[in-house]
């Protein structure tokens, strides 16, 4: 009864429908040869290096999240049996003790019950199984945040997702019962030549807002303010550097 009562008290911040639609749109846009893949490639490189360092080749892996396709392909090349699901529902249980490795690639940022999600993921691991989750953490997209504040003018709206920091992520792993839990972060900086390019890269990688309450539409005047804000942040070559703080959560069952 306690767990049921706890689940009912979880605030609903994100819309599952909007999240799934954003992921489905990103998957369709991925067929474009110019589609942005820099976040997925960064995730894949990081995970590959970690598996090499730990000299791991687990037989069964679950890869979930909108930026997991590149990672899944990499694991298949390592002759690992891979189950990939970009639309996995972290707020529902997964078959217990089924996987030796679980990788969450950009799928944790938009979960309403993140503590519960991590418990589900831990329970889906086999004994001594490994979980690695990668997510955008606190400090991400400061340029976009500033641009959207300028766009909204005197009536700022909630457009950027709440973000988890290193300390909170560590506490979440501990609460979920993971052993040897470690959380570390790295900074990925991407340069954009225009606001349109920043927005399109976000859409192509399912990074757009999926908040339960959609923010008001940015009208013509708001878009002009956003463009002006982008220009004010640009460097000598006209490009703006955006920062993505990536948290890597590691824990063993």
C-alpha atoms as a PDB file:
ATOM      1  CA  UNK A   1       0.000   0.000   0.000  1.00  0.00           C
ATOM      2  CA  UNK A   2       2.873   2.362   0.678  1.00  0.00           C
ATOM      3  CA  UNK A   3       4.265   2.017  -2.854  1.00  0.00           C
ATOM      4  CA  UNK A   4       0.783   2.627  -4.311  1.00  0.00           C
ATOM      5  CA  UNK A   5       0.328   5.716  -2.208  1.00  0.00           C
ATOM      6  CA  UNK A   6       3.779   6.955  -3.245  1.00  0.00           C
ATOM      7  CA  UNK A   7       3.102   6.433  -6.955  1.00  0.00           C
ATOM      8  CA  UNK A   8      -0.102   8.487  -6.715  1.00  0.00           C
ATOM      9  CA  UNK A   9       1.805  11.390  -5.178  1.00  0.00           C
ATOM     10  CA  UNK A  10       4.304  11.619  -8.053  1.00  0.00           C
ATOM     11  CA  UNK A  11       3.768  14.947  -9.852  1.00  0.00           C
ATOM     12  CA  UNK A  12       3.043  14.737 -13.559  1.00  0.00           C
ATOM     13  CA  UNK A  13       5.506  17.112 -15.202  1.00  0.00           C
ATOM     14  CA  UNK A  14       5.908  15.463 -18.585  1.00  0.00           C
ATOM     15  CA  UNK A  15       3.396  14.249 -21.150  1.00  0.00           C
ATOM     16  CA  UNK A  16       3.995  10.692 -22.294  1.00  0.00           C
ATOM     17  CA  UNK A  17       2.034  11.361 -25.490  1.00  0.00           C
ATOM     18  CA  UNK A  18       4.108  14.429 -26.374  1.00  0.00           C
ATOM     19  CA  UNK A  19       7.291  12.511 -25.575  1.00  0.00           C
ATOM     20  CA  UNK A  20       6.363   9.589 -27.819  1.00  0.00           C
ATOM     21  CA  UNK A  21       5.354  11.917 -30.652  1.00  0.00           C
ATOM     22  CA  UNK A  22       8.663  13.794 -30.344  1.00  0.00           C
ATOM     23  CA  UNK A  23      10.598  10.519 -30.538  1.00  0.00           C
ATOM     24  CA  UNK A  24       8.568   9.288 -33.505  1.00  0.00           C
ATOM     25  CA  UNK A  25       9.188  12.587 -35.307  1.00  0.00           C
ATOM     26  CA  UNK A  26      12.911  12.338 -34.616  1.00  0.00           C
ATOM     27  CA  UNK A  27      12.984   8.803 -36.016  1.00  0.00           C
ATOM     28  CA  UNK A  28      11.322   9.997 -39.223  1.00  0.00           C
ATOM     29  CA  UNK A  29      13.710  12.934 -39.540  1.00  0.00           C
ATOM     30  CA  UNK A  30      16.662  10.561 -39.069  1.00  0.00           C
ATOM     31  CA  UNK A  31      16.170   9.362 -42.661  1.00  0.00           C
ATOM     32  CA  UNK A  32      17.436  12.756 -43.825  1.00  0.00           C
ATOM     33  CA  UNK A  33      21.172  12.397 -44.617  1.00  0.00           C
ATOM     34  CA  UNK A  34      21.804  15.770 -42.956  1.00  0.00           C
ATOM     35  CA  UNK A  35      19.990  14.851 -39.732  1.00  0.00           C
ATOM     36  CA  UNK A  36      21.851  15.680 -36.530  1.00  0.00           C
ATOM     37  CA  UNK A  37      23.348  12.669 -34.756  1.00  0.00           C
ATOM     38  CA  UNK A  38      26.046  14.294 -32.623  1.00  0.00           C
ATOM     39  CA  UNK A  39      24.372  13.432 -29.299  1.00  0.00           C
ATOM     40  CA  UNK A  40      23.813   9.768 -30.198  1.00  0.00           C
ATOM     41  CA  UNK A  41      27.391   9.489 -31.464  1.00  0.00           C
ATOM     42  CA  UNK A  42      28.700  11.013 -28.247  1.00  0.00           C
ATOM     43  CA  UNK A  43      26.656   8.521 -26.216  1.00  0.00           C
ATOM     44  CA  UNK A  44      27.952   5.613 -28.319  1.00  0.00           C
ATOM     45  CA  UNK A  45      31.596   6.688 -28.017  1.00  0.00           C
ATOM     46  CA  UNK A  46      31.326   7.085 -24.253  1.00  0.00           C
ATOM     47  CA  UNK A  47      29.643   3.719 -23.732  1.00  0.00           C
ATOM     48  CA  UNK A  48      32.098   1.946 -26.036  1.00  0.00           C
ATOM     49  CA  UNK A  49      35.030   3.340 -24.085  1.00  0.00           C
ATOM     50  CA  UNK A  50      33.498   2.286 -20.775  1.00  0.00           C
ATOM     51  CA  UNK A  51      32.814  -1.274 -21.925  1.00  0.00           C
ATOM     52  CA  UNK A  52      36.366  -1.543 -23.297  1.00  0.00           C
ATOM     53  CA  UNK A  53      37.836  -0.208 -20.061  1.00  0.00           C
ATOM     54  CA  UNK A  54      35.803  -2.680 -17.966  1.00  0.00           C
ATOM     55  CA  UNK A  55      36.516  -5.449 -20.500  1.00  0.00           C
ATOM     56  CA  UNK A  56      32.823  -6.314 -20.608  1.00  0.00           C
ATOM     57  CA  UNK A  57      30.927  -8.171 -23.292  1.00  0.00           C
ATOM     58  CA  UNK A  58      27.546  -8.966 -21.711  1.00  0.00           C
ATOM     59  CA  UNK A  59      25.450 -11.508 -23.645  1.00  0.00           C
ATOM     60  CA  UNK A  60      22.090  -9.711 -23.349  1.00  0.00           C
ATOM     61  CA  UNK A  61      21.556  -5.960 -23.478  1.00  0.00           C
ATOM     62  CA  UNK A  62      18.596  -3.595 -23.430  1.00  0.00           C
ATOM     63  CA  UNK A  63      19.126  -0.242 -25.105  1.00  0.00           C
ATOM     64  CA  UNK A  64      16.371   2.304 -24.614  1.00  0.00           C
ATOM     65  CA  UNK A  65      15.827   5.918 -25.500  1.00  0.00           C
ATOM     66  CA  UNK A  66      15.577   8.191 -28.532  1.00  0.00           C
ATOM     67  CA  UNK A  67      19.352   8.416 -28.928  1.00  0.00           C
ATOM     68  CA  UNK A  68      20.072   4.710 -28.548  1.00  0.00           C
ATOM     69  CA  UNK A  69      20.003   3.453 -32.145  1.00  0.00           C
ATOM     70  CA  UNK A  70      23.690   4.178 -32.759  1.00  0.00           C
ATOM     71  CA  UNK A  71      24.568   2.540 -29.444  1.00  0.00           C
ATOM     72  CA  UNK A  72      22.487  -0.543 -30.301  1.00  0.00           C
ATOM     73  CA  UNK A  73      24.282  -0.955 -33.640  1.00  0.00           C
ATOM     74  CA  UNK A  74      27.628  -0.722 -31.869  1.00  0.00           C
ATOM     75  CA  UNK A  75      26.652  -3.479 -29.441  1.00  0.00           C
ATOM     76  CA  UNK A  76      25.452  -5.727 -32.270  1.00  0.00           C
ATOM     77  CA  UNK A  77      28.906  -5.351 -33.839  1.00  0.00           C
ATOM     78  CA  UNK A  78      30.289  -6.636 -30.540  1.00  0.00           C
ATOM     79  CA  UNK A  79      28.110  -9.750 -30.991  1.00  0.00           C
ATOM     80  CA  UNK A  80      25.848  -8.837 -28.093  1.00  0.00           C
ATOM     81  CA  UNK A  81      22.180  -9.815 -28.228  1.00  0.00           C
ATOM     82  CA  UNK A  82      20.410  -6.450 -28.224  1.00  0.00           C
ATOM     83  CA  UNK A  83      16.835  -5.436 -27.517  1.00  0.00           C
ATOM     84  CA  UNK A  84      16.265  -1.837 -28.607  1.00  0.00           C
ATOM     85  CA  UNK A  85      13.231   0.259 -27.743  1.00  0.00           C
ATOM     86  CA  UNK A  86      13.241   4.006 -28.279  1.00  0.00           C
ATOM     87  CA  UNK A  87       9.762   4.352 -26.727  1.00  0.00           C
ATOM     88  CA  UNK A  88      10.297   2.272 -23.592  1.00  0.00           C
ATOM     89  CA  UNK A  89       7.987   3.220 -20.720  1.00  0.00           C
ATOM     90  CA  UNK A  90      10.276   3.520 -17.715  1.00  0.00           C
ATOM     91  CA  UNK A  91       7.302   3.975 -15.417  1.00  0.00           C
ATOM     92  CA  UNK A  92       6.170   0.374 -15.975  1.00  0.00           C
ATOM     93  CA  UNK A  93       8.050  -2.731 -14.774  1.00  0.00           C
ATOM     94  CA  UNK A  94      10.306  -4.640 -17.165  1.00  0.00           C
ATOM     95  CA  UNK A  95      10.618  -8.425 -17.076  1.00  0.00           C
ATOM     96  CA  UNK A  96      12.732  -9.155 -14.016  1.00  0.00           C
ATOM     97  CA  UNK A  97      16.375 -10.266 -14.211  1.00  0.00           C
ATOM     98  CA  UNK A  98      16.307 -10.393 -17.994  1.00  0.00           C
ATOM     99  CA  UNK A  99      19.331  -8.318 -19.089  1.00  0.00           C
ATOM    100  CA  UNK A 100      23.052  -8.315 -18.264  1.00  0.00           C
ATOM    101  CA  UNK A 101      23.419  -4.728 -19.460  1.00  0.00           C
ATOM    102  CA  UNK A 102      20.877  -1.897 -19.654  1.00  0.00           C
ATOM    103  CA  UNK A 103      21.685   1.365 -21.392  1.00  0.00           C
ATOM    104  CA  UNK A 104      19.353   4.358 -21.098  1.00  0.00           C
ATOM    105  CA  UNK A 105      20.265   6.844 -23.816  1.00  0.00           C
ATOM    106  CA  UNK A 106      18.386  10.072 -23.304  1.00  0.00           C
ATOM    107  CA  UNK A 107      15.276   8.381 -21.931  1.00  0.00           C
ATOM    108  CA  UNK A 108      15.456   9.397 -18.264  1.00  0.00           C
ATOM    109  CA  UNK A 109      15.104  13.178 -18.581  1.00  0.00           C
ATOM    110  CA  UNK A 110      11.369  13.058 -19.260  1.00  0.00           C
ATOM    111  CA  UNK A 111      10.240  10.454 -16.715  1.00  0.00           C
ATOM    112  CA  UNK A 112       7.801  11.693 -14.092  1.00  0.00           C
ATOM    113  CA  UNK A 113       8.732   9.043 -11.508  1.00  0.00           C
ATOM    114  CA  UNK A 114      12.499   8.874 -11.935  1.00  0.00           C
ATOM    115  CA  UNK A 115      13.152   7.018  -8.643  1.00  0.00           C
ATOM    116  CA  UNK A 116      10.590   4.388  -9.637  1.00  0.00           C
ATOM    117  CA  UNK A 117      12.058   4.145 -13.138  1.00  0.00           C
ATOM    118  CA  UNK A 118      15.516   3.395 -11.773  1.00  0.00           C
ATOM    119  CA  UNK A 119      14.068   0.692  -9.521  1.00  0.00           C
ATOM    120  CA  UNK A 120      12.383  -0.917 -12.554  1.00  0.00           C
ATOM    121  CA  UNK A 121      15.674  -0.824 -14.466  1.00  0.00           C
ATOM    122  CA  UNK A 122      17.605  -2.358 -11.577  1.00  0.00           C
ATOM    123  CA  UNK A 123      15.038  -5.147 -11.239  1.00  0.00           C
ATOM    124  CA  UNK A 124      15.365  -5.937 -14.950  1.00  0.00           C
ATOM    125  CA  UNK A 125      19.097  -6.649 -14.543  1.00  0.00           C
ATOM    126  CA  UNK A 126      20.472 -10.119 -13.972  1.00  0.00           C
ATOM    127  CA  UNK A 127      22.640 -10.727 -10.924  1.00  0.00           C
ATOM    128  CA  UNK A 128      25.760  -8.521 -11.208  1.00  0.00           C
ATOM    129  CA  UNK A 129      24.224  -6.835 -14.262  1.00  0.00           C
ATOM    130  CA  UNK A 130      25.336  -3.312 -15.211  1.00  0.00           C
ATOM    131  CA  UNK A 131      23.223  -0.202 -15.762  1.00  0.00           C
ATOM    132  CA  UNK A 132      24.532   2.864 -17.602  1.00  0.00           C
ATOM    133  CA  UNK A 133      22.247   5.829 -18.090  1.00  0.00           C
ATOM    134  CA  UNK A 134      23.140   8.971 -19.998  1.00  0.00           C
ATOM    135  CA  UNK A 135      21.054  12.099 -19.670  1.00  0.00           C
ATOM    136  CA  UNK A 136      21.293  15.853 -20.026  1.00  0.00           C
ATOM    137  CA  UNK A 137      21.990  17.319 -16.625  1.00  0.00           C
ATOM    138  CA  UNK A 138      21.853  20.645 -14.840  1.00  0.00           C
ATOM    139  CA  UNK A 139      23.711  23.347 -16.710  1.00  0.00           C
ATOM    140  CA  UNK A 140      22.524  22.246 -20.153  1.00  0.00           C
ATOM    141  CA  UNK A 141      21.322  24.643 -22.884  1.00  0.00           C
ATOM    142  CA  UNK A 142      22.082  27.967 -21.149  1.00  0.00           C
ATOM    143  CA  UNK A 143      22.065  29.804 -24.486  1.00  0.00           C
ATOM    144  CA  UNK A 144      18.658  28.444 -25.471  1.00  0.00           C
ATOM    145  CA  UNK A 145      17.301  29.292 -22.042  1.00  0.00           C
ATOM    146  CA  UNK A 146      18.452  32.897 -22.466  1.00  0.00           C
ATOM    147  CA  UNK A 147      17.058  33.083 -25.996  1.00  0.00           C
ATOM    148  CA  UNK A 148      13.628  31.824 -24.970  1.00  0.00           C
ATOM    149  CA  UNK A 149      13.467  34.219 -22.028  1.00  0.00           C
ATOM    150  CA  UNK A 150      14.093  37.031 -24.490  1.00  0.00           C
ATOM    151  CA  UNK A 151      11.409  35.653 -26.808  1.00  0.00           C
ATOM    152  CA  UNK A 152       8.809  35.615 -24.045  1.00  0.00           C
ATOM    153  CA  UNK A 153       9.563  39.170 -22.950  1.00  0.00           C
ATOM    154  CA  UNK A 154       7.677  40.211 -19.816  1.00  0.00           C
ATOM    155  CA  UNK A 155       5.735  36.925 -19.612  1.00  0.00           C
ATOM    156  CA  UNK A 156       8.295  34.100 -19.358  1.00  0.00           C
ATOM    157  CA  UNK A 157       6.891  30.609 -19.891  1.00  0.00           C
ATOM    158  CA  UNK A 158       8.170  27.182 -18.814  1.00  0.00           C
ATOM    159  CA  UNK A 159       9.914  25.874 -21.940  1.00  0.00           C
ATOM    160  CA  UNK A 160      13.055  24.106 -20.612  1.00  0.00           C
ATOM    161  CA  UNK A 161      12.826  20.787 -18.784  1.00  0.00           C
ATOM    162  CA  UNK A 162      13.802  20.556 -15.102  1.00  0.00           C
ATOM    163  CA  UNK A 163      17.342  19.183 -14.896  1.00  0.00           C
ATOM    164  CA  UNK A 164      19.061  16.794 -12.486  1.00  0.00           C
ATOM    165  CA  UNK A 165      22.502  17.550 -11.094  1.00  0.00           C
ATOM    166  CA  UNK A 166      25.315  15.169 -10.146  1.00  0.00           C
ATOM    167  CA  UNK A 167      24.461  15.002  -6.450  1.00  0.00           C
ATOM    168  CA  UNK A 168      20.773  14.317  -7.053  1.00  0.00           C
ATOM    169  CA  UNK A 169      21.578  11.590  -9.601  1.00  0.00           C
ATOM    170  CA  UNK A 170      23.877   9.862  -7.110  1.00  0.00           C
ATOM    171  CA  UNK A 171      21.160   9.931  -4.459  1.00  0.00           C
ATOM    172  CA  UNK A 172      18.672   8.459  -6.946  1.00  0.00           C
ATOM    173  CA  UNK A 173      20.962   5.514  -7.725  1.00  0.00           C
ATOM    174  CA  UNK A 174      21.453   4.860  -4.018  1.00  0.00           C
ATOM    175  CA  UNK A 175      17.717   5.029  -3.395  1.00  0.00           C
ATOM    176  CA  UNK A 176      17.091   2.543  -6.217  1.00  0.00           C
ATOM    177  CA  UNK A 177      19.431   0.037  -4.559  1.00  0.00           C
ATOM    178  CA  UNK A 178      22.285  -0.002  -7.083  1.00  0.00           C
ATOM    179  CA  UNK A 179      25.709  -1.142  -5.882  1.00  0.00           C
ATOM    180  CA  UNK A 180      29.006   0.621  -6.682  1.00  0.00           C
ATOM    181  CA  UNK A 181      27.048   3.541  -8.063  1.00  0.00           C
ATOM    182  CA  UNK A 182      28.983   6.315  -9.779  1.00  0.00           C
ATOM    183  CA  UNK A 183      27.800   9.512 -11.455  1.00  0.00           C
ATOM    184  CA  UNK A 184      30.129  11.636 -13.522  1.00  0.00           C
ATOM    185  CA  UNK A 185      29.621  14.419 -15.997  1.00  0.00           C
ATOM    186  CA  UNK A 186      31.195  15.786 -19.130  1.00  0.00           C
ATOM    187  CA  UNK A 187      30.514  18.871 -21.210  1.00  0.00           C
ATOM    188  CA  UNK A 188      29.608  18.686 -24.876  1.00  0.00           C
ATOM    189  CA  UNK A 189      29.734  21.984 -26.742  1.00  0.00           C
ATOM    190  CA  UNK A 190      28.057  22.388 -30.117  1.00  0.00           C
ATOM    191  CA  UNK A 191      28.261  25.472 -32.342  1.00  0.00           C
ATOM    192  CA  UNK A 192      25.213  26.645 -34.275  1.00  0.00           C
ATOM    193  CA  UNK A 193      25.153  29.015 -37.230  1.00  0.00           C
ATOM    194  CA  UNK A 194      21.517  29.976 -36.706  1.00  0.00           C
ATOM    195  CA  UNK A 195      18.597  29.671 -34.327  1.00  0.00           C
ATOM    196  CA  UNK A 196      16.819  27.569 -36.945  1.00  0.00           C
ATOM    197  CA  UNK A 197      19.702  25.088 -36.907  1.00  0.00           C
ATOM    198  CA  UNK A 198      19.622  24.844 -33.111  1.00  0.00           C
ATOM    199  CA  UNK A 199      15.875  24.144 -33.209  1.00  0.00           C
ATOM    200  CA  UNK A 200      16.123  21.599 -36.044  1.00  0.00           C
ATOM    201  CA  UNK A 201      18.955  19.725 -34.303  1.00  0.00           C
ATOM    202  CA  UNK A 202      16.774  19.548 -31.199  1.00  0.00           C
ATOM    203  CA  UNK A 203      13.844  18.147 -33.161  1.00  0.00           C
ATOM    204  CA  UNK A 204      16.019  15.594 -34.955  1.00  0.00           C
ATOM    205  CA  UNK A 205      17.274  14.255 -31.616  1.00  0.00           C
ATOM    206  CA  UNK A 206      14.013  14.394 -29.645  1.00  0.00           C
ATOM    207  CA  UNK A 207      15.257  17.204 -27.424  1.00  0.00           C
ATOM    208  CA  UNK A 208      12.204  19.442 -27.708  1.00  0.00           C
ATOM    209  CA  UNK A 209       9.897  20.197 -24.807  1.00  0.00           C
ATOM    210  CA  UNK A 210       7.447  17.500 -23.739  1.00  0.00           C
ATOM    211  CA  UNK A 211       6.132  19.270 -20.647  1.00  0.00           C
ATOM    212  CA  UNK A 212       2.570  18.353 -19.741  1.00  0.00           C
ATOM    213  CA  UNK A 213       1.478  21.973 -20.111  1.00  0.00           C
ATOM    214  CA  UNK A 214       2.696  23.266 -23.478  1.00  0.00           C
ATOM    215  CA  UNK A 215       4.142  26.765 -23.454  1.00  0.00           C
ATOM    216  CA  UNK A 216       2.325  29.476 -25.430  1.00  0.00           C
ATOM    217  CA  UNK A 217       3.139  29.763 -29.118  1.00  0.00           C
ATOM    218  CA  UNK A 218       5.993  32.149 -29.889  1.00  0.00           C
ATOM    219  CA  UNK A 219       4.499  34.701 -32.250  1.00  0.00           C
ATOM    220  CA  UNK A 220       6.168  36.854 -34.856  1.00  0.00           C
ATOM    221  CA  UNK A 221       7.383  39.471 -32.384  1.00  0.00           C
ATOM    222  CA  UNK A 222       8.654  36.771 -30.015  1.00  0.00           C
ATOM    223  CA  UNK A 223      10.548  35.095 -32.828  1.00  0.00           C
ATOM    224  CA  UNK A 224      12.162  38.413 -33.726  1.00  0.00           C
ATOM    225  CA  UNK A 225      13.283  38.844 -30.116  1.00  0.00           C
ATOM    226  CA  UNK A 226      14.661  35.295 -30.136  1.00  0.00           C
ATOM    227  CA  UNK A 227      16.620  35.970 -33.329  1.00  0.00           C
ATOM    228  CA  UNK A 228      18.013  39.173 -31.821  1.00  0.00           C
ATOM    229  CA  UNK A 229      19.029  37.287 -28.679  1.00  0.00           C
ATOM    230  CA  UNK A 230      20.776  34.641 -30.775  1.00  0.00           C
ATOM    231  CA  UNK A 231      22.663  37.363 -32.639  1.00  0.00           C
ATOM    232  CA  UNK A 232      23.720  39.004 -29.357  1.00  0.00           C
ATOM    233  CA  UNK A 233      25.233  35.704 -28.187  1.00  0.00           C
ATOM    234  CA  UNK A 234      27.059  34.984 -31.448  1.00  0.00           C
ATOM    235  CA  UNK A 235      30.814  35.084 -31.728  1.00  0.00           C
ATOM    236  CA  UNK A 236      32.909  36.715 -34.450  1.00  0.00           C
ATOM    237  CA  UNK A 237      32.007  34.063 -37.004  1.00  0.00           C
ATOM    238  CA  UNK A 238      28.290  34.492 -36.295  1.00  0.00           C
ATOM    239  CA  UNK A 239      27.919  31.172 -34.481  1.00  0.00           C
ATOM    240  CA  UNK A 240      26.622  30.520 -30.979  1.00  0.00           C
ATOM    241  CA  UNK A 241      28.155  27.861 -28.737  1.00  0.00           C
ATOM    242  CA  UNK A 242      25.596  25.831 -26.823  1.00  0.00           C
ATOM    243  CA  UNK A 243      26.560  23.684 -23.850  1.00  0.00           C
ATOM    244  CA  UNK A 244      25.168  20.244 -23.023  1.00  0.00           C
ATOM    245  CA  UNK A 245      26.103  18.838 -19.618  1.00  0.00           C
ATOM    246  CA  UNK A 246      25.862  15.055 -19.879  1.00  0.00           C
ATOM    247  CA  UNK A 247      25.489  12.928 -16.774  1.00  0.00           C
ATOM    248  CA  UNK A 248      26.503   9.272 -16.886  1.00  0.00           C
ATOM    249  CA  UNK A 249      24.876   7.157 -14.179  1.00  0.00           C
ATOM    250  CA  UNK A 250      26.530   3.788 -13.545  1.00  0.00           C
ATOM    251  CA  UNK A 251      25.361   1.139 -11.122  1.00  0.00           C
ATOM    252  CA  UNK A 252      25.463  -2.649 -10.615  1.00  0.00           C
ATOM    253  CA  UNK A 253      22.754  -4.942  -9.414  1.00  0.00           C
END
